[in-house]
C-alpha cells in the first residue's frame, strides 16, 4: 500500500507526465498556509497517459510538501521522478499545471534556461497545441524565473538531463469538457507522433 500522496502510471512511451498540484499543498512559509490546488490537471494527465501510453505521476491528496518546490532530499515526488526516469530511460518530461486566473494568455509553456532541447520541446508544443477547437489560443513561452525553489522542469533538465517543460493551462480550458478533451487530444498526438 502506497502511503505517499501520489500515484504513478506505467507506460511504454519514453515520456513522463506529471501533475503535482492537483490538490492543496504546503510551501515553506511562516504562515504554514496551504496553496490551493489546480483541479482537473489529474484528469488531463490520466487521459494523455492513456492515449499516448506515456508514464505518469500525479498528486492524489493534500500534501504537507510542495512537489514542485522542495529539493529532492525532502521531496518523495522528485525522488520518484528520478526513479521513473532512470529505470525507464525517459526521453522527455512534461509537467502539467493550472494557470492562475487573470493572465493575458491561455496556455504558458515554461522551459529551463540554457537547455536547448527543452526550448525546442517548448516550441514544438506551442505549434501543436493550438489546433482544432483550440485554434486561436494565445500560447506563451517563458524561461523559468530565477527563484529559491527548484521546479520539476528545472529538476528534470538540470539534474536528470532530460528535455523538460512545464505547461500551465487556463481554468476555462480545464473546466470545459470540450476544450479539455481537445487539449488532451492535441497533447496526446504531439507525444505519440512527434516525440520519438
N, C-alpha and C. Protein backbone atom coordinates (compact mmCIF):
# COMPACT_ATOMS: atom_id res chain seq x y z
N UNK A 1 0.85 -1.19 0.00
CA UNK A 1 0.00 0.00 0.00
C UNK A 1 0.89 1.25 0.00
N UNK A 2 0.65 2.16 -0.94
CA UNK A 2 1.43 3.38 -1.05
C UNK A 2 0.87 4.44 -0.12
N UNK A 3 1.64 4.83 0.90
CA UNK A 3 1.18 5.86 1.83
C UNK A 3 1.59 7.25 1.37
N UNK A 4 2.28 7.35 0.25
CA UNK A 4 2.68 8.64 -0.27
C UNK A 4 1.50 9.30 -0.97
N UNK A 5 1.50 10.65 -1.03
CA UNK A 5 0.33 11.36 -1.58
C UNK A 5 0.30 11.45 -3.10
N UNK A 6 0.83 10.45 -3.78
CA UNK A 6 0.81 10.45 -5.24
C UNK A 6 0.72 9.02 -5.75
N UNK A 7 0.37 8.90 -7.03
CA UNK A 7 0.36 7.59 -7.68
C UNK A 7 1.14 7.70 -8.98
N UNK A 8 1.59 6.56 -9.46
CA UNK A 8 2.31 6.53 -10.73
C UNK A 8 1.50 5.71 -11.75
N UNK A 9 1.74 6.00 -13.00
CA UNK A 9 1.08 5.31 -14.11
C UNK A 9 2.17 4.70 -14.98
N UNK A 10 2.05 3.41 -15.23
CA UNK A 10 3.01 2.71 -16.09
C UNK A 10 2.70 2.99 -17.55
N UNK A 11 3.75 3.10 -18.34
CA UNK A 11 3.57 3.30 -19.77
C UNK A 11 4.61 2.55 -20.56
N UNK A 12 4.63 2.78 -21.85
CA UNK A 12 5.64 2.20 -22.73
C UNK A 12 6.42 3.29 -23.47
N UNK A 13 5.76 4.40 -23.75
CA UNK A 13 6.40 5.54 -24.42
C UNK A 13 7.38 6.18 -23.44
N UNK A 14 8.55 6.58 -23.93
CA UNK A 14 9.59 7.11 -23.05
C UNK A 14 9.37 8.59 -22.74
N UNK A 15 8.14 8.88 -22.28
CA UNK A 15 7.73 10.24 -21.88
C UNK A 15 7.10 10.13 -20.51
N UNK A 16 7.45 11.06 -19.63
CA UNK A 16 6.86 11.11 -18.29
C UNK A 16 6.09 12.40 -18.14
N UNK A 17 4.80 12.28 -17.75
CA UNK A 17 3.98 13.44 -17.44
C UNK A 17 3.77 13.53 -15.94
N UNK A 18 3.59 14.74 -15.45
CA UNK A 18 3.44 14.98 -14.02
C UNK A 18 2.31 15.99 -13.80
N UNK A 19 1.56 15.78 -12.72
CA UNK A 19 0.55 16.75 -12.27
C UNK A 19 0.71 16.90 -10.75
N UNK A 20 1.62 17.77 -10.31
CA UNK A 20 1.98 17.84 -8.89
C UNK A 20 1.10 18.71 -8.02
N UNK A 21 0.20 19.49 -8.61
CA UNK A 21 -0.56 20.46 -7.82
C UNK A 21 -2.07 20.27 -7.90
N UNK A 22 -2.51 19.05 -8.12
CA UNK A 22 -3.94 18.80 -8.23
C UNK A 22 -4.65 19.23 -6.94
N UNK A 23 -4.04 18.94 -5.80
CA UNK A 23 -4.64 19.23 -4.50
C UNK A 23 -3.81 20.29 -3.77
N UNK A 24 -4.36 20.79 -2.69
CA UNK A 24 -3.66 21.78 -1.88
C UNK A 24 -2.33 21.19 -1.40
N UNK A 25 -1.34 22.04 -1.29
CA UNK A 25 0.00 21.62 -0.89
C UNK A 25 0.65 22.76 -0.13
N UNK A 26 1.64 22.44 0.66
CA UNK A 26 2.24 23.43 1.54
C UNK A 26 3.66 23.77 1.09
N UNK A 27 3.91 25.08 0.98
CA UNK A 27 5.26 25.58 0.73
C UNK A 27 5.82 26.10 2.04
N UNK A 28 7.14 26.15 2.16
CA UNK A 28 7.72 26.62 3.42
C UNK A 28 7.54 28.13 3.60
N UNK A 29 6.51 28.50 4.32
CA UNK A 29 6.23 29.90 4.63
C UNK A 29 5.98 30.03 6.11
N UNK A 30 6.16 31.22 6.61
CA UNK A 30 5.92 31.44 8.04
C UNK A 30 4.48 31.16 8.43
N UNK A 31 3.54 31.46 7.54
CA UNK A 31 2.12 31.26 7.85
C UNK A 31 1.72 29.79 7.87
N UNK A 32 2.55 28.93 7.22
CA UNK A 32 2.25 27.49 7.08
C UNK A 32 0.92 27.25 6.36
N UNK A 33 0.47 28.22 5.58
CA UNK A 33 -0.79 28.10 4.84
C UNK A 33 -0.61 27.17 3.64
N UNK A 34 -1.69 26.54 3.26
CA UNK A 34 -1.68 25.69 2.07
C UNK A 34 -1.91 26.54 0.83
N UNK A 35 -1.29 26.15 -0.26
CA UNK A 35 -1.53 26.76 -1.57
C UNK A 35 -2.64 25.93 -2.22
N UNK A 36 -3.62 26.59 -2.81
CA UNK A 36 -4.76 25.87 -3.38
C UNK A 36 -4.33 24.98 -4.54
N UNK A 37 -5.14 23.95 -4.78
CA UNK A 37 -4.84 23.00 -5.83
C UNK A 37 -5.23 23.51 -7.21
N UNK A 38 -4.89 22.74 -8.21
CA UNK A 38 -5.17 23.07 -9.61
C UNK A 38 -6.02 21.95 -10.21
N UNK A 39 -7.35 22.04 -9.99
CA UNK A 39 -8.26 20.96 -10.38
C UNK A 39 -8.18 20.60 -11.86
N UNK A 40 -8.43 19.34 -12.11
CA UNK A 40 -8.54 18.73 -13.43
C UNK A 40 -7.20 18.54 -14.14
N UNK A 41 -6.10 18.92 -13.51
CA UNK A 41 -4.80 18.59 -14.11
C UNK A 41 -4.57 17.09 -14.05
N UNK A 42 -5.16 16.44 -13.03
CA UNK A 42 -5.04 14.97 -12.95
C UNK A 42 -5.82 14.29 -14.07
N UNK A 43 -6.99 14.81 -14.39
CA UNK A 43 -7.80 14.27 -15.48
C UNK A 43 -7.05 14.38 -16.81
N UNK A 44 -6.44 15.55 -17.04
CA UNK A 44 -5.66 15.76 -18.26
C UNK A 44 -4.52 14.74 -18.31
N UNK A 45 -3.77 14.63 -17.24
CA UNK A 45 -2.63 13.71 -17.21
C UNK A 45 -3.06 12.28 -17.48
N UNK A 46 -4.09 11.82 -16.78
CA UNK A 46 -4.51 10.42 -16.92
C UNK A 46 -4.97 10.12 -18.34
N UNK A 47 -5.69 11.05 -18.96
CA UNK A 47 -6.17 10.83 -20.32
C UNK A 47 -5.02 10.84 -21.33
N UNK A 48 -4.08 11.78 -21.16
CA UNK A 48 -2.95 11.84 -22.08
C UNK A 48 -2.09 10.58 -21.93
N UNK A 49 -1.87 10.15 -20.70
CA UNK A 49 -1.09 8.92 -20.49
C UNK A 49 -1.76 7.73 -21.17
N UNK A 50 -3.08 7.64 -21.03
CA UNK A 50 -3.83 6.54 -21.64
C UNK A 50 -3.74 6.61 -23.17
N UNK A 51 -3.92 7.79 -23.74
CA UNK A 51 -3.93 7.95 -25.20
C UNK A 51 -2.55 7.75 -25.83
N UNK A 52 -1.51 8.15 -25.10
CA UNK A 52 -0.16 8.12 -25.69
C UNK A 52 0.72 7.01 -25.12
N UNK A 53 0.17 6.26 -24.15
CA UNK A 53 0.91 5.17 -23.50
C UNK A 53 2.16 5.68 -22.79
N UNK A 54 2.05 6.90 -22.23
CA UNK A 54 3.16 7.52 -21.50
C UNK A 54 3.12 7.15 -20.03
N UNK A 55 4.23 7.37 -19.36
CA UNK A 55 4.30 7.22 -17.91
C UNK A 55 3.72 8.47 -17.26
N UNK A 56 3.26 8.33 -16.01
CA UNK A 56 2.71 9.48 -15.31
C UNK A 56 2.95 9.41 -13.81
N UNK A 57 2.93 10.58 -13.19
CA UNK A 57 2.96 10.70 -11.73
C UNK A 57 2.04 11.86 -11.37
N UNK A 58 1.17 11.64 -10.37
CA UNK A 58 0.15 12.64 -10.07
C UNK A 58 -0.14 12.66 -8.57
N UNK A 59 -0.29 13.86 -8.04
CA UNK A 59 -0.67 14.03 -6.64
C UNK A 59 -2.10 13.51 -6.45
N UNK A 60 -2.35 12.77 -5.36
CA UNK A 60 -3.67 12.15 -5.15
C UNK A 60 -4.41 12.67 -3.92
N UNK A 61 -3.76 13.53 -3.13
CA UNK A 61 -4.39 14.07 -1.93
C UNK A 61 -3.62 15.32 -1.50
N UNK A 62 -4.14 16.04 -0.51
CA UNK A 62 -3.41 17.18 0.02
C UNK A 62 -2.04 16.73 0.51
N UNK A 63 -1.09 17.65 0.47
CA UNK A 63 0.29 17.28 0.79
C UNK A 63 0.93 18.33 1.70
N UNK A 64 1.75 17.87 2.65
CA UNK A 64 2.49 18.76 3.54
C UNK A 64 3.77 19.29 2.89
N UNK A 65 4.04 18.91 1.67
CA UNK A 65 5.19 19.43 0.94
C UNK A 65 4.72 19.81 -0.46
N UNK A 66 5.50 20.65 -1.13
CA UNK A 66 5.18 21.04 -2.50
C UNK A 66 6.08 20.26 -3.45
N UNK A 67 5.50 19.34 -4.22
CA UNK A 67 6.30 18.53 -5.14
C UNK A 67 7.12 19.35 -6.13
N UNK A 68 6.66 20.54 -6.42
CA UNK A 68 7.31 21.39 -7.43
C UNK A 68 8.31 22.36 -6.83
N UNK A 69 8.43 22.42 -5.52
CA UNK A 69 9.25 23.45 -4.88
C UNK A 69 10.38 22.87 -4.05
N UNK A 70 10.06 21.93 -3.19
CA UNK A 70 11.07 21.39 -2.26
C UNK A 70 12.16 20.62 -3.00
N UNK A 71 13.36 20.71 -2.49
CA UNK A 71 14.51 20.00 -3.05
C UNK A 71 14.31 18.49 -2.92
N UNK A 72 15.03 17.74 -3.72
CA UNK A 72 14.85 16.30 -3.81
C UNK A 72 15.03 15.58 -2.47
N UNK A 73 15.96 16.01 -1.64
CA UNK A 73 16.24 15.32 -0.39
C UNK A 73 15.01 15.21 0.51
N UNK A 74 14.12 16.21 0.45
CA UNK A 74 12.91 16.20 1.29
C UNK A 74 11.65 16.12 0.45
N UNK A 75 11.76 15.50 -0.71
CA UNK A 75 10.65 15.52 -1.65
C UNK A 75 10.49 14.13 -2.30
N UNK A 76 9.61 13.29 -1.74
CA UNK A 76 9.44 11.95 -2.32
C UNK A 76 8.91 11.96 -3.75
N UNK A 77 8.21 13.01 -4.13
CA UNK A 77 7.71 13.13 -5.50
C UNK A 77 8.88 13.22 -6.48
N UNK A 78 9.85 14.10 -6.18
CA UNK A 78 11.03 14.22 -7.04
C UNK A 78 11.86 12.94 -7.00
N UNK A 79 11.94 12.31 -5.87
CA UNK A 79 12.68 11.05 -5.77
C UNK A 79 12.06 10.00 -6.68
N UNK A 80 10.72 9.97 -6.73
CA UNK A 80 10.03 9.01 -7.61
C UNK A 80 10.25 9.36 -9.08
N UNK A 81 10.26 10.65 -9.39
CA UNK A 81 10.53 11.08 -10.77
C UNK A 81 11.91 10.60 -11.20
N UNK A 82 12.90 10.78 -10.34
CA UNK A 82 14.25 10.30 -10.65
C UNK A 82 14.22 8.80 -10.95
N UNK A 83 13.53 8.05 -10.12
CA UNK A 83 13.46 6.60 -10.28
C UNK A 83 12.80 6.22 -11.61
N UNK A 84 11.66 6.84 -11.92
CA UNK A 84 10.95 6.54 -13.16
C UNK A 84 11.81 6.87 -14.38
N UNK A 85 12.45 8.04 -14.36
CA UNK A 85 13.27 8.47 -15.50
C UNK A 85 14.45 7.53 -15.71
N UNK A 86 15.12 7.16 -14.64
CA UNK A 86 16.30 6.30 -14.76
C UNK A 86 15.91 4.87 -15.17
N UNK A 87 14.91 4.30 -14.52
CA UNK A 87 14.53 2.90 -14.79
C UNK A 87 13.91 2.69 -16.16
N UNK A 88 13.27 3.74 -16.70
CA UNK A 88 12.54 3.58 -17.96
C UNK A 88 13.15 4.35 -19.12
N UNK A 89 14.35 4.88 -18.90
CA UNK A 89 15.06 5.61 -19.95
C UNK A 89 14.18 6.69 -20.59
N UNK A 90 13.51 7.46 -19.73
CA UNK A 90 12.61 8.52 -20.19
C UNK A 90 13.39 9.56 -20.99
N UNK A 91 12.81 9.99 -22.12
CA UNK A 91 13.47 10.95 -23.00
C UNK A 91 12.89 12.35 -22.90
N UNK A 92 11.66 12.49 -22.38
CA UNK A 92 11.02 13.80 -22.25
C UNK A 92 10.20 13.83 -20.97
N UNK A 93 10.17 15.02 -20.34
CA UNK A 93 9.39 15.22 -19.11
C UNK A 93 8.49 16.44 -19.31
N UNK A 94 7.18 16.25 -19.10
CA UNK A 94 6.19 17.32 -19.26
C UNK A 94 5.40 17.44 -17.96
N UNK A 95 5.47 18.60 -17.34
CA UNK A 95 4.85 18.87 -16.05
C UNK A 95 3.61 19.75 -16.28
N UNK A 96 2.43 19.26 -15.89
CA UNK A 96 1.16 19.94 -16.18
C UNK A 96 0.64 20.67 -14.95
N UNK A 97 0.31 21.95 -15.13
CA UNK A 97 -0.19 22.80 -14.05
C UNK A 97 -1.42 23.57 -14.52
N UNK A 98 -2.11 24.16 -13.55
CA UNK A 98 -3.20 25.07 -13.85
C UNK A 98 -2.67 26.50 -13.88
N UNK A 99 -3.12 27.26 -14.85
CA UNK A 99 -2.73 28.67 -14.98
C UNK A 99 -3.60 29.51 -14.05
N UNK A 100 -2.97 30.40 -13.30
CA UNK A 100 -3.73 31.31 -12.43
C UNK A 100 -4.63 32.19 -13.29
N UNK A 101 -5.78 32.57 -12.74
CA UNK A 101 -6.70 33.45 -13.44
C UNK A 101 -6.08 34.84 -13.63
N UNK A 102 -6.51 35.53 -14.67
CA UNK A 102 -6.11 36.92 -14.86
C UNK A 102 -4.97 37.14 -15.84
N UNK A 103 -4.43 36.09 -16.43
CA UNK A 103 -3.35 36.27 -17.40
C UNK A 103 -3.92 36.63 -18.77
N UNK A 104 -3.09 37.24 -19.58
CA UNK A 104 -3.50 37.65 -20.93
C UNK A 104 -3.18 36.58 -21.97
N UNK A 105 -2.92 35.36 -21.51
CA UNK A 105 -2.68 34.25 -22.41
C UNK A 105 -3.44 33.04 -21.86
N UNK A 106 -3.60 32.02 -22.70
CA UNK A 106 -4.43 30.86 -22.36
C UNK A 106 -3.62 29.66 -21.87
N UNK A 107 -2.44 29.51 -22.42
CA UNK A 107 -1.53 28.43 -22.03
C UNK A 107 -0.13 29.02 -21.96
N UNK A 108 0.60 28.64 -20.93
CA UNK A 108 2.01 29.04 -20.81
C UNK A 108 2.87 27.78 -20.85
N UNK A 109 3.97 27.86 -21.56
CA UNK A 109 4.94 26.78 -21.59
C UNK A 109 6.26 27.35 -21.07
N UNK A 110 6.74 26.79 -19.97
CA UNK A 110 8.00 27.24 -19.36
C UNK A 110 9.10 26.24 -19.67
N UNK A 111 10.27 26.77 -19.95
CA UNK A 111 11.43 25.91 -20.16
C UNK A 111 12.57 26.38 -19.27
N UNK A 112 13.46 25.47 -18.88
CA UNK A 112 14.62 25.87 -18.08
C UNK A 112 15.69 26.53 -18.94
N UNK A 113 16.25 27.60 -18.45
CA UNK A 113 17.28 28.35 -19.16
C UNK A 113 18.48 27.45 -19.50
N UNK A 114 19.07 27.69 -20.64
CA UNK A 114 20.31 27.05 -21.09
C UNK A 114 20.14 25.57 -21.46
N UNK A 115 18.93 25.14 -21.73
CA UNK A 115 18.73 23.76 -22.15
C UNK A 115 18.04 23.77 -23.52
N UNK A 116 18.86 23.71 -24.58
CA UNK A 116 18.37 23.85 -25.95
C UNK A 116 17.26 22.86 -26.29
N UNK A 117 17.40 21.60 -25.85
CA UNK A 117 16.37 20.61 -26.17
C UNK A 117 15.05 20.93 -25.48
N UNK A 118 15.08 21.57 -24.32
CA UNK A 118 13.85 21.98 -23.66
C UNK A 118 13.19 23.15 -24.39
N UNK A 119 14.01 24.04 -24.94
CA UNK A 119 13.48 25.16 -25.74
C UNK A 119 12.80 24.61 -27.00
N UNK A 120 13.45 23.65 -27.65
CA UNK A 120 12.88 23.02 -28.85
C UNK A 120 11.55 22.34 -28.51
N UNK A 121 11.51 21.64 -27.37
CA UNK A 121 10.27 20.99 -26.93
C UNK A 121 9.17 22.02 -26.69
N UNK A 122 9.51 23.15 -26.08
CA UNK A 122 8.53 24.22 -25.84
C UNK A 122 7.90 24.70 -27.13
N UNK A 123 8.74 24.94 -28.14
CA UNK A 123 8.25 25.45 -29.42
C UNK A 123 7.40 24.40 -30.15
N UNK A 124 7.80 23.13 -30.04
CA UNK A 124 7.02 22.05 -30.64
C UNK A 124 5.62 21.99 -30.02
N UNK A 125 5.56 22.09 -28.70
CA UNK A 125 4.26 22.08 -28.02
C UNK A 125 3.43 23.29 -28.42
N UNK A 126 4.04 24.46 -28.46
CA UNK A 126 3.31 25.67 -28.84
C UNK A 126 2.67 25.50 -30.22
N UNK A 127 3.43 24.99 -31.18
CA UNK A 127 2.91 24.82 -32.55
C UNK A 127 1.77 23.82 -32.62
N UNK A 128 1.83 22.78 -31.80
CA UNK A 128 0.89 21.67 -31.95
C UNK A 128 -0.30 21.69 -31.02
N UNK A 129 -0.27 22.49 -29.98
CA UNK A 129 -1.42 22.54 -29.07
C UNK A 129 -2.55 23.42 -29.61
N UNK A 130 -2.20 24.37 -30.47
CA UNK A 130 -3.19 25.31 -30.99
C UNK A 130 -3.80 24.76 -32.28
N UNK A 131 -4.66 23.74 -32.11
CA UNK A 131 -5.31 23.10 -33.25
C UNK A 131 -6.78 22.84 -32.93
N UNK A 132 -7.56 22.61 -33.98
CA UNK A 132 -8.97 22.27 -33.80
C UNK A 132 -9.70 23.31 -32.98
N UNK A 133 -10.39 22.87 -31.94
CA UNK A 133 -11.17 23.77 -31.08
C UNK A 133 -10.29 24.77 -30.33
N UNK A 134 -9.00 24.54 -30.30
CA UNK A 134 -8.08 25.44 -29.59
C UNK A 134 -7.35 26.40 -30.54
N UNK A 135 -7.75 26.40 -31.82
CA UNK A 135 -7.14 27.32 -32.77
C UNK A 135 -7.42 28.75 -32.32
N UNK A 136 -6.37 29.59 -32.37
CA UNK A 136 -6.52 30.98 -31.98
C UNK A 136 -6.13 31.27 -30.53
N UNK A 137 -5.75 30.22 -29.79
CA UNK A 137 -5.30 30.43 -28.42
C UNK A 137 -4.04 31.28 -28.39
N UNK A 138 -3.85 31.97 -27.31
CA UNK A 138 -2.60 32.68 -27.07
C UNK A 138 -1.73 31.77 -26.21
N UNK A 139 -0.73 31.15 -26.81
CA UNK A 139 0.18 30.25 -26.09
C UNK A 139 1.52 30.95 -25.97
N UNK A 140 1.91 31.25 -24.74
CA UNK A 140 3.15 31.98 -24.48
C UNK A 140 4.24 31.03 -24.01
N UNK A 141 5.47 31.34 -24.41
CA UNK A 141 6.64 30.58 -23.96
C UNK A 141 7.50 31.48 -23.09
N UNK A 142 7.90 30.96 -21.92
CA UNK A 142 8.71 31.72 -20.98
C UNK A 142 9.87 30.87 -20.47
N UNK A 143 10.95 31.54 -20.08
CA UNK A 143 12.00 30.88 -19.30
C UNK A 143 11.52 30.83 -17.86
N UNK A 144 11.93 29.79 -17.12
CA UNK A 144 11.62 29.77 -15.70
C UNK A 144 12.28 30.97 -15.05
N UNK A 145 11.54 31.69 -14.20
CA UNK A 145 12.17 32.82 -13.49
C UNK A 145 13.13 32.31 -12.42
N UNK A 146 14.12 33.12 -12.10
CA UNK A 146 15.03 32.77 -11.01
C UNK A 146 14.29 32.89 -9.69
N UNK A 147 14.31 31.83 -8.89
CA UNK A 147 13.65 31.84 -7.59
C UNK A 147 14.35 30.86 -6.67
N UNK A 148 13.86 30.80 -5.44
CA UNK A 148 14.54 29.98 -4.45
C UNK A 148 14.31 28.50 -4.66
N UNK A 149 13.14 28.11 -5.11
CA UNK A 149 12.82 26.69 -5.27
C UNK A 149 13.41 26.14 -6.56
N UNK A 150 13.18 24.86 -6.77
CA UNK A 150 13.62 24.18 -7.99
C UNK A 150 12.40 23.50 -8.59
N UNK A 151 11.87 24.05 -9.67
CA UNK A 151 10.69 23.46 -10.28
C UNK A 151 11.01 22.07 -10.80
N UNK A 152 9.97 21.30 -11.04
CA UNK A 152 10.16 19.96 -11.59
C UNK A 152 10.79 20.03 -12.99
N UNK A 153 10.41 21.04 -13.77
CA UNK A 153 11.00 21.20 -15.09
C UNK A 153 12.50 21.46 -15.01
N UNK A 154 12.90 22.29 -14.06
CA UNK A 154 14.33 22.56 -13.87
C UNK A 154 15.05 21.32 -13.35
N UNK A 155 14.40 20.60 -12.45
CA UNK A 155 14.96 19.37 -11.91
C UNK A 155 15.16 18.34 -13.02
N UNK A 156 14.15 18.19 -13.87
CA UNK A 156 14.25 17.23 -14.97
C UNK A 156 15.39 17.55 -15.91
N UNK A 157 15.54 18.82 -16.27
CA UNK A 157 16.57 19.21 -17.23
C UNK A 157 17.95 19.28 -16.61
N UNK A 158 18.09 20.03 -15.51
CA UNK A 158 19.43 20.29 -14.98
C UNK A 158 19.99 19.11 -14.20
N UNK A 159 19.16 18.41 -13.44
CA UNK A 159 19.65 17.31 -12.61
C UNK A 159 19.60 15.97 -13.35
N UNK A 160 18.48 15.71 -14.04
CA UNK A 160 18.30 14.40 -14.67
C UNK A 160 18.65 14.41 -16.16
N UNK A 161 18.92 15.59 -16.71
CA UNK A 161 19.39 15.74 -18.09
C UNK A 161 18.40 15.23 -19.13
N UNK A 162 17.12 15.54 -18.91
CA UNK A 162 16.05 15.15 -19.82
C UNK A 162 15.35 16.44 -20.27
N UNK A 163 15.08 16.63 -21.58
CA UNK A 163 14.34 17.80 -22.01
C UNK A 163 13.02 17.90 -21.24
N UNK A 164 12.80 19.06 -20.62
CA UNK A 164 11.68 19.21 -19.68
C UNK A 164 10.99 20.56 -19.87
N UNK A 165 9.66 20.54 -19.71
CA UNK A 165 8.89 21.78 -19.75
C UNK A 165 7.77 21.71 -18.71
N UNK A 166 7.24 22.88 -18.42
CA UNK A 166 6.05 22.99 -17.58
C UNK A 166 4.97 23.66 -18.42
N UNK A 167 3.80 23.02 -18.50
CA UNK A 167 2.66 23.59 -19.23
C UNK A 167 1.63 24.04 -18.21
N UNK A 168 1.19 25.30 -18.32
CA UNK A 168 0.12 25.81 -17.46
C UNK A 168 -1.11 26.06 -18.32
N UNK A 169 -2.24 25.48 -17.92
CA UNK A 169 -3.47 25.51 -18.72
C UNK A 169 -4.52 26.34 -18.00
N UNK A 170 -5.13 27.28 -18.73
CA UNK A 170 -6.14 28.17 -18.15
C UNK A 170 -7.31 27.37 -17.59
N UNK A 171 -7.92 27.91 -16.54
CA UNK A 171 -9.05 27.26 -15.88
C UNK A 171 -10.20 27.01 -16.85
N UNK A 172 -10.51 27.97 -17.72
CA UNK A 172 -11.67 27.80 -18.61
C UNK A 172 -11.46 26.62 -19.56
N UNK A 173 -10.22 26.34 -19.92
CA UNK A 173 -9.94 25.17 -20.77
C UNK A 173 -10.10 23.90 -19.96
N UNK A 174 -9.55 23.89 -18.74
CA UNK A 174 -9.65 22.70 -17.89
C UNK A 174 -11.09 22.38 -17.53
N UNK A 175 -11.91 23.41 -17.31
CA UNK A 175 -13.28 23.19 -16.83
C UNK A 175 -14.28 22.89 -17.94
N UNK A 176 -13.94 23.18 -19.18
CA UNK A 176 -14.81 22.87 -20.32
C UNK A 176 -14.46 21.48 -20.83
N UNK A 177 -15.43 20.57 -20.80
CA UNK A 177 -15.17 19.21 -21.27
C UNK A 177 -14.70 19.23 -22.72
N UNK A 178 -15.33 20.03 -23.55
CA UNK A 178 -14.99 20.11 -24.97
C UNK A 178 -13.55 20.60 -25.17
N UNK A 179 -13.19 21.69 -24.51
CA UNK A 179 -11.85 22.27 -24.68
C UNK A 179 -10.78 21.40 -24.02
N UNK A 180 -11.11 20.85 -22.85
CA UNK A 180 -10.16 19.97 -22.16
C UNK A 180 -9.87 18.74 -23.03
N UNK A 181 -10.92 18.16 -23.61
CA UNK A 181 -10.73 16.99 -24.47
C UNK A 181 -9.88 17.32 -25.70
N UNK A 182 -10.05 18.54 -26.23
CA UNK A 182 -9.24 18.95 -27.39
C UNK A 182 -7.77 19.12 -26.97
N UNK A 183 -7.55 19.70 -25.79
CA UNK A 183 -6.19 19.83 -25.28
C UNK A 183 -5.55 18.45 -25.11
N UNK A 184 -6.29 17.53 -24.51
CA UNK A 184 -5.80 16.16 -24.31
C UNK A 184 -5.47 15.52 -25.65
N UNK A 185 -6.35 15.68 -26.62
CA UNK A 185 -6.14 15.10 -27.96
C UNK A 185 -4.88 15.67 -28.59
N UNK A 186 -4.73 17.00 -28.55
CA UNK A 186 -3.58 17.63 -29.19
C UNK A 186 -2.27 17.24 -28.51
N UNK A 187 -2.25 17.24 -27.19
CA UNK A 187 -1.04 16.88 -26.47
C UNK A 187 -0.71 15.40 -26.69
N UNK A 188 -1.72 14.56 -26.69
CA UNK A 188 -1.51 13.12 -26.94
C UNK A 188 -0.90 12.89 -28.31
N UNK A 189 -1.39 13.62 -29.31
CA UNK A 189 -0.88 13.46 -30.67
C UNK A 189 0.57 13.92 -30.80
N UNK A 190 0.91 15.03 -30.14
CA UNK A 190 2.30 15.51 -30.16
C UNK A 190 3.21 14.44 -29.58
N UNK A 191 2.81 13.89 -28.44
CA UNK A 191 3.64 12.87 -27.78
C UNK A 191 3.76 11.62 -28.64
N UNK A 192 2.64 11.18 -29.19
CA UNK A 192 2.63 9.94 -29.96
C UNK A 192 3.37 10.05 -31.29
N UNK A 193 3.24 11.20 -31.97
CA UNK A 193 3.77 11.34 -33.33
C UNK A 193 5.08 12.08 -33.43
N UNK A 194 5.33 13.01 -32.51
CA UNK A 194 6.49 13.89 -32.64
C UNK A 194 7.64 13.54 -31.71
N UNK A 195 7.34 12.96 -30.56
CA UNK A 195 8.40 12.69 -29.57
C UNK A 195 8.87 11.24 -29.74
N UNK A 196 9.93 11.09 -30.52
CA UNK A 196 10.45 9.75 -30.84
C UNK A 196 11.74 9.50 -30.08
